[in-house]
N, C-alpha and C. Protein backbone atom coordinates (compact mmCIF):
# COMPACT_ATOMS: atom_id res chain seq x y z
N TRP A 1 210.18 102.98 30.54
CA TRP A 1 208.95 102.25 30.74
C TRP A 1 208.68 102.12 32.24
N LYS A 2 209.70 101.81 33.01
CA LYS A 2 209.53 101.68 34.45
C LYS A 2 209.19 103.04 35.06
N GLU A 3 209.82 104.06 34.52
CA GLU A 3 209.57 105.40 35.02
C GLU A 3 208.12 105.79 34.78
N GLN A 4 207.61 105.47 33.62
CA GLN A 4 206.23 105.74 33.27
C GLN A 4 205.30 104.99 34.22
N GLU A 5 205.65 103.77 34.52
CA GLU A 5 204.85 102.94 35.43
C GLU A 5 204.84 103.57 36.82
N THR A 6 205.95 104.05 37.29
CA THR A 6 206.07 104.67 38.61
C THR A 6 205.22 105.95 38.65
N VAL A 7 205.28 106.75 37.60
CA VAL A 7 204.48 107.96 37.54
C VAL A 7 203.01 107.60 37.56
N LYS A 8 202.66 106.54 36.82
CA LYS A 8 201.27 106.07 36.81
C LYS A 8 200.85 105.64 38.20
N GLN A 9 201.72 104.91 38.88
CA GLN A 9 201.40 104.44 40.24
C GLN A 9 201.25 105.62 41.20
N LYS A 10 202.18 106.57 41.09
CA LYS A 10 202.09 107.74 41.96
C LYS A 10 200.78 108.49 41.69
N HIS A 11 200.45 108.62 40.39
CA HIS A 11 199.20 109.29 40.02
C HIS A 11 198.00 108.51 40.58
N GLU A 12 198.07 107.19 40.48
CA GLU A 12 197.01 106.31 40.99
C GLU A 12 196.89 106.45 42.50
N ILE A 13 198.02 106.47 43.19
CA ILE A 13 198.04 106.60 44.66
C ILE A 13 197.43 107.93 45.06
N LYS A 14 197.83 108.99 44.34
CA LYS A 14 197.29 110.33 44.62
C LYS A 14 195.78 110.34 44.40
N LYS A 15 195.36 109.71 43.31
CA LYS A 15 193.93 109.62 42.97
C LYS A 15 193.18 108.86 44.07
N ASN A 16 193.76 107.75 44.52
CA ASN A 16 193.15 106.94 45.59
C ASN A 16 193.06 107.73 46.89
N LYS A 17 194.11 108.51 47.18
CA LYS A 17 194.11 109.32 48.40
C LYS A 17 192.99 110.36 48.32
N LEU A 18 192.81 110.97 47.15
CA LEU A 18 191.73 111.94 46.98
C LEU A 18 190.37 111.28 47.14
N ILE A 19 190.25 110.08 46.57
CA ILE A 19 188.99 109.33 46.70
C ILE A 19 188.74 108.98 48.17
N ASP A 20 189.79 108.50 48.87
CA ASP A 20 189.68 108.17 50.30
C ASP A 20 189.27 109.41 51.11
N ALA A 21 189.92 110.54 50.77
CA ALA A 21 189.62 111.78 51.49
C ALA A 21 188.16 112.17 51.26
N GLU A 22 187.68 112.03 50.01
CA GLU A 22 186.28 112.35 49.69
C GLU A 22 185.33 111.42 50.42
N ILE A 23 185.68 110.12 50.43
CA ILE A 23 184.85 109.14 51.16
C ILE A 23 184.81 109.48 52.65
N LYS A 24 185.98 109.79 53.20
CA LYS A 24 186.06 110.14 54.61
C LYS A 24 185.23 111.40 54.90
N ARG A 25 185.33 112.42 54.01
CA ARG A 25 184.58 113.66 54.17
C ARG A 25 183.07 113.38 54.13
N LYS A 26 182.62 112.57 53.16
CA LYS A 26 181.20 112.24 53.05
C LYS A 26 180.74 111.43 54.25
N TYR A 27 181.58 110.51 54.74
CA TYR A 27 181.23 109.72 55.92
C TYR A 27 181.06 110.64 57.13
N MET A 28 182.00 111.57 57.32
CA MET A 28 181.93 112.49 58.45
C MET A 28 180.67 113.37 58.34
N GLN A 29 180.37 113.81 57.11
CA GLN A 29 179.17 114.61 56.88
C GLN A 29 177.93 113.79 57.23
N TYR A 30 177.88 112.54 56.79
CA TYR A 30 176.76 111.65 57.08
C TYR A 30 176.65 111.43 58.59
N LYS A 31 177.81 111.18 59.23
CA LYS A 31 177.84 110.93 60.67
C LYS A 31 177.32 112.16 61.43
N THR A 32 177.80 113.33 61.01
CA THR A 32 177.37 114.58 61.66
C THR A 32 175.88 114.80 61.47
N GLU A 33 175.39 114.62 60.25
CA GLU A 33 173.96 114.79 59.97
C GLU A 33 173.13 113.78 60.76
N ASN A 34 173.62 112.54 60.81
CA ASN A 34 172.92 111.49 61.54
C ASN A 34 172.86 111.81 63.03
N GLU A 35 173.99 112.24 63.60
CA GLU A 35 174.02 112.61 65.02
C GLU A 35 173.11 113.80 65.28
N SER A 36 173.14 114.77 64.35
CA SER A 36 172.29 115.94 64.49
C SER A 36 170.82 115.53 64.44
N LYS A 37 170.50 114.64 63.52
CA LYS A 37 169.13 114.16 63.39
C LYS A 37 168.70 113.42 64.67
N LYS A 38 169.59 112.56 65.19
CA LYS A 38 169.28 111.83 66.42
C LYS A 38 169.10 112.79 67.60
N GLN A 39 169.97 113.80 67.66
CA GLN A 39 169.87 114.79 68.73
C GLN A 39 168.54 115.54 68.64
N GLN A 40 168.17 115.89 67.41
CA GLN A 40 166.90 116.59 67.19
C GLN A 40 165.73 115.70 67.60
N GLU A 41 165.79 114.42 67.25
CA GLU A 41 164.73 113.49 67.63
C GLU A 41 164.64 113.35 69.15
N ARG A 42 165.83 113.27 69.81
CA ARG A 42 165.83 113.18 71.28
C ARG A 42 165.21 114.44 71.88
N GLN A 43 165.59 115.59 71.32
CA GLN A 43 165.06 116.86 71.84
C GLN A 43 163.55 116.93 71.62
N GLU A 44 163.09 116.51 70.46
CA GLU A 44 161.66 116.50 70.18
C GLU A 44 160.92 115.58 71.15
N LYS A 45 161.53 114.42 71.43
CA LYS A 45 160.94 113.47 72.37
C LYS A 45 160.85 114.10 73.77
N ILE A 46 161.95 114.75 74.17
CA ILE A 46 161.97 115.41 75.49
C ILE A 46 160.90 116.51 75.54
N ASP A 47 160.83 117.31 74.46
CA ASP A 47 159.84 118.39 74.42
C ASP A 47 158.41 117.82 74.48
N LYS A 48 158.19 116.73 73.75
CA LYS A 48 156.87 116.10 73.74
C LYS A 48 156.51 115.60 75.13
N GLU A 49 157.49 114.95 75.80
CA GLU A 49 157.25 114.44 77.16
C GLU A 49 156.96 115.59 78.12
N LYS A 50 157.71 116.70 77.96
CA LYS A 50 157.48 117.86 78.83
C LYS A 50 156.08 118.42 78.60
N ALA A 51 155.68 118.50 77.32
CA ALA A 51 154.34 119.02 77.00
C ALA A 51 153.26 118.11 77.59
N GLU A 52 153.45 116.79 77.44
CA GLU A 52 152.47 115.84 78.00
C GLU A 52 152.41 115.96 79.52
N LYS A 53 153.59 116.08 80.14
CA LYS A 53 153.65 116.21 81.59
C LYS A 53 152.94 117.50 82.04
N LYS A 54 153.16 118.57 81.29
CA LYS A 54 152.53 119.84 81.63
C LYS A 54 151.01 119.73 81.51
N ILE A 55 150.54 119.07 80.45
CA ILE A 55 149.09 118.88 80.26
C ILE A 55 148.52 118.08 81.42
N ILE A 56 149.21 117.00 81.80
CA ILE A 56 148.75 116.17 82.91
C ILE A 56 148.72 116.98 84.21
N GLU A 57 149.78 117.77 84.45
CA GLU A 57 149.82 118.60 85.65
C GLU A 57 148.68 119.61 85.66
N GLU A 58 148.40 120.19 84.49
CA GLU A 58 147.29 121.15 84.41
C GLU A 58 145.95 120.46 84.69
N GLN A 59 145.80 119.24 84.16
CA GLN A 59 144.55 118.48 84.40
C GLN A 59 144.41 118.17 85.89
N ILE A 60 145.53 117.76 86.51
CA ILE A 60 145.50 117.46 87.95
C ILE A 60 145.14 118.72 88.73
N LYS A 61 145.77 119.84 88.37
CA LYS A 61 145.50 121.11 89.05
C LYS A 61 144.03 121.49 88.88
N LYS A 62 143.53 121.35 87.65
CA LYS A 62 142.13 121.68 87.37
C LYS A 62 141.20 120.80 88.20
N GLN A 63 141.55 119.50 88.26
CA GLN A 63 140.73 118.55 89.04
C GLN A 63 140.75 118.94 90.52
N LYS A 64 141.95 119.29 91.04
CA LYS A 64 142.06 119.69 92.44
C LYS A 64 141.25 120.96 92.70
N ASP A 65 141.34 121.92 91.76
CA ASP A 65 140.58 123.17 91.91
C ASP A 65 139.08 122.89 91.92
N MET A 66 138.65 121.99 91.03
CA MET A 66 137.23 121.63 90.97
C MET A 66 136.80 120.96 92.29
N GLU A 67 137.65 120.08 92.80
CA GLU A 67 137.36 119.39 94.06
C GLU A 67 137.28 120.40 95.21
N LYS A 68 138.22 121.33 95.21
CA LYS A 68 138.24 122.37 96.25
C LYS A 68 136.97 123.21 96.15
N GLN A 69 136.59 123.59 94.94
CA GLN A 69 135.37 124.38 94.73
C GLN A 69 134.14 123.61 95.19
N ARG A 70 134.11 122.31 94.87
CA ARG A 70 132.98 121.47 95.28
C ARG A 70 132.88 121.42 96.81
N ARG A 71 134.06 121.25 97.48
CA ARG A 71 134.06 121.22 98.95
C ARG A 71 133.58 122.56 99.52
N LEU A 72 134.01 123.65 98.91
CA LEU A 72 133.57 124.97 99.38
C LEU A 72 132.05 125.11 99.25
N GLU A 73 131.53 124.65 98.11
CA GLU A 73 130.08 124.70 97.91
C GLU A 73 129.36 123.85 98.95
N GLU A 74 129.90 122.66 99.22
CA GLU A 74 129.29 121.78 100.23
C GLU A 74 129.32 122.45 101.60
N GLU A 75 130.46 123.09 101.93
CA GLU A 75 130.57 123.77 103.23
C GLU A 75 129.58 124.92 103.32
N LYS A 76 129.42 125.67 102.21
CA LYS A 76 128.46 126.77 102.20
C LYS A 76 127.04 126.23 102.42
N GLU A 77 126.72 125.15 101.72
CA GLU A 77 125.39 124.54 101.84
C GLU A 77 125.15 124.07 103.28
N LEU A 78 126.17 123.42 103.85
CA LEU A 78 126.07 122.95 105.23
C LEU A 78 125.87 124.14 106.18
N HIS A 79 126.61 125.20 105.95
CA HIS A 79 126.48 126.40 106.78
C HIS A 79 125.07 126.98 106.67
N ARG A 80 124.55 127.03 105.43
CA ARG A 80 123.18 127.53 105.22
C ARG A 80 122.18 126.67 105.97
N GLU A 81 122.35 125.34 105.87
CA GLU A 81 121.43 124.43 106.57
C GLU A 81 121.49 124.65 108.08
N ARG A 82 122.71 124.85 108.60
CA ARG A 82 122.84 125.09 110.05
C ARG A 82 122.15 126.39 110.44
N GLU A 83 122.32 127.43 109.60
CA GLU A 83 121.67 128.71 109.90
C GLU A 83 120.15 128.54 109.91
N ILE A 84 119.62 127.82 108.94
CA ILE A 84 118.18 127.59 108.86
C ILE A 84 117.70 126.83 110.10
N MET A 85 118.47 125.80 110.49
CA MET A 85 118.10 125.02 111.68
C MET A 85 118.13 125.91 112.92
N GLN A 86 119.16 126.77 113.02
CA GLN A 86 119.27 127.66 114.18
C GLN A 86 118.10 128.65 114.20
N GLU A 87 117.75 129.18 113.02
CA GLU A 87 116.62 130.11 112.95
C GLU A 87 115.33 129.40 113.37
N GLU A 88 115.17 128.16 112.96
CA GLU A 88 113.98 127.38 113.32
C GLU A 88 113.95 127.16 114.84
N LYS A 89 115.11 126.80 115.41
CA LYS A 89 115.17 126.60 116.87
C LYS A 89 114.83 127.90 117.60
N ASP A 90 115.40 129.01 117.11
CA ASP A 90 115.13 130.31 117.73
C ASP A 90 113.64 130.66 117.65
N ARG A 91 113.04 130.39 116.46
CA ARG A 91 111.62 130.68 116.26
C ARG A 91 110.76 129.86 117.24
N ILE A 92 111.10 128.56 117.36
CA ILE A 92 110.36 127.67 118.28
C ILE A 92 110.53 128.15 119.72
N ARG A 93 111.76 128.52 120.08
CA ARG A 93 112.04 129.00 121.43
C ARG A 93 111.20 130.26 121.72
N LEU A 94 111.16 131.18 120.74
CA LEU A 94 110.37 132.40 120.93
C LEU A 94 108.88 132.10 121.05
N GLU A 95 108.39 131.16 120.22
CA GLU A 95 106.98 130.79 120.30
C GLU A 95 106.66 130.22 121.67
N GLU A 96 107.56 129.34 122.18
CA GLU A 96 107.31 128.73 123.50
C GLU A 96 107.39 129.78 124.59
N LYS A 97 108.35 130.70 124.45
CA LYS A 97 108.48 131.76 125.44
C LYS A 97 107.22 132.64 125.43
N SER A 98 106.76 132.94 124.23
CA SER A 98 105.55 133.75 124.08
C SER A 98 104.33 133.02 124.67
N LYS A 99 104.28 131.71 124.39
CA LYS A 99 103.18 130.88 124.89
C LYS A 99 103.19 130.87 126.43
N LYS A 100 104.39 130.68 127.01
CA LYS A 100 104.50 130.65 128.47
C LYS A 100 104.12 132.01 129.07
N GLU A 101 104.57 133.09 128.38
CA GLU A 101 104.24 134.44 128.85
C GLU A 101 102.72 134.66 128.81
N LYS A 102 102.09 134.18 127.75
CA LYS A 102 100.63 134.30 127.62
C LYS A 102 99.93 133.52 128.73
N GLN A 103 100.43 132.28 129.00
CA GLN A 103 99.83 131.46 130.07
C GLN A 103 100.01 132.17 131.43
N ARG A 104 101.18 132.77 131.63
CA ARG A 104 101.45 133.48 132.88
C ARG A 104 100.47 134.65 133.03
N GLU A 105 100.30 135.38 131.92
CA GLU A 105 99.37 136.52 131.94
C GLU A 105 97.94 136.04 132.23
N GLU A 106 97.54 134.91 131.62
CA GLU A 106 96.19 134.36 131.84
C GLU A 106 96.02 133.96 133.30
N ARG A 107 97.07 133.32 133.89
CA ARG A 107 96.98 132.93 135.31
C ARG A 107 96.85 134.16 136.21
N LYS A 108 97.64 135.21 135.86
CA LYS A 108 97.56 136.45 136.65
C LYS A 108 96.16 137.05 136.55
N ALA A 109 95.61 137.02 135.32
CA ALA A 109 94.28 137.60 135.11
C ALA A 109 93.24 136.81 135.90
N ARG A 110 93.34 135.47 135.90
CA ARG A 110 92.40 134.64 136.66
C ARG A 110 92.53 134.90 138.16
N LYS A 111 93.81 135.01 138.62
CA LYS A 111 94.02 135.28 140.05
C LYS A 111 93.41 136.63 140.41
N ALA A 112 93.63 137.60 139.49
CA ALA A 112 93.08 138.95 139.74
C ALA A 112 91.56 138.89 139.77
N GLU A 113 90.96 138.11 138.86
CA GLU A 113 89.50 137.98 138.84
C GLU A 113 89.00 137.34 140.14
N ILE A 114 89.71 136.26 140.54
CA ILE A 114 89.31 135.56 141.77
C ILE A 114 89.45 136.50 142.97
N LEU A 115 90.57 137.23 143.01
CA LEU A 115 90.80 138.18 144.10
C LEU A 115 89.72 139.26 144.11
N LYS A 116 89.39 139.78 142.92
CA LYS A 116 88.36 140.81 142.78
C LYS A 116 87.01 140.26 143.25
N ALA A 117 86.73 139.01 142.83
CA ALA A 117 85.45 138.39 143.23
C ALA A 117 85.40 138.22 144.75
N LYS A 118 86.53 137.81 145.34
CA LYS A 118 86.57 137.66 146.80
C LYS A 118 86.39 138.99 147.50
N GLN A 119 87.04 140.02 146.92
CA GLN A 119 86.92 141.36 147.52
C GLN A 119 85.47 141.84 147.43
N ASP A 120 84.88 141.61 146.23
CA ASP A 120 83.48 142.02 146.06
C ASP A 120 82.58 141.28 147.05
N GLU A 121 82.84 139.98 147.20
CA GLU A 121 82.05 139.17 148.13
C GLU A 121 82.25 139.66 149.57
N PHE A 122 83.52 139.97 149.88
CA PHE A 122 83.84 140.47 151.22
C PHE A 122 83.12 141.79 151.48
N LEU A 123 83.14 142.67 150.45
CA LEU A 123 82.47 143.97 150.60
C LEU A 123 80.95 143.79 150.74
N LYS A 124 80.37 142.89 150.00
CA LYS A 124 78.93 142.64 150.10
C LYS A 124 78.61 142.13 151.49
N GLU A 125 79.43 141.22 152.03
CA GLU A 125 79.20 140.67 153.35
C GLU A 125 79.26 141.78 154.40
N ARG A 126 80.17 142.70 154.20
CA ARG A 126 80.33 143.81 155.15
C ARG A 126 79.14 144.75 155.10
N GLU A 127 78.66 144.95 153.90
CA GLU A 127 77.52 145.83 153.73
C GLU A 127 76.28 145.21 154.42
N LYS A 128 76.22 143.88 154.35
CA LYS A 128 75.07 143.19 154.98
C LYS A 128 75.14 143.33 156.49
N GLU A 129 76.34 143.37 157.02
CA GLU A 129 76.49 143.44 158.48
C GLU A 129 76.22 144.78 158.98
């Protein structure tokens, strides 16, 4: 009877060890899956943050490019305005130069007329003498 009890206990102990081993195996499997899941979530979070950061960097770059383009357009416009102003100044300068040249020519013509009239008068006086 005692021997039977001992065999039963040994069988029970063996059964318990198998159950413990199964529990331990399932716990390790759960732990591994849980860690894997957490690692995957961390990686997904990192990837999401990288994607958001990249989008923000692209938006900043696009904004900077737009700002640079706007400045270039403003500089071109300013350059065009300066060219127009310079052309206007040159046109005015040429008009004034032309006007002065015309006045000079008119004065020369008047002097020539006066000189011619004096010469004619001088010649008439000589003819009278």
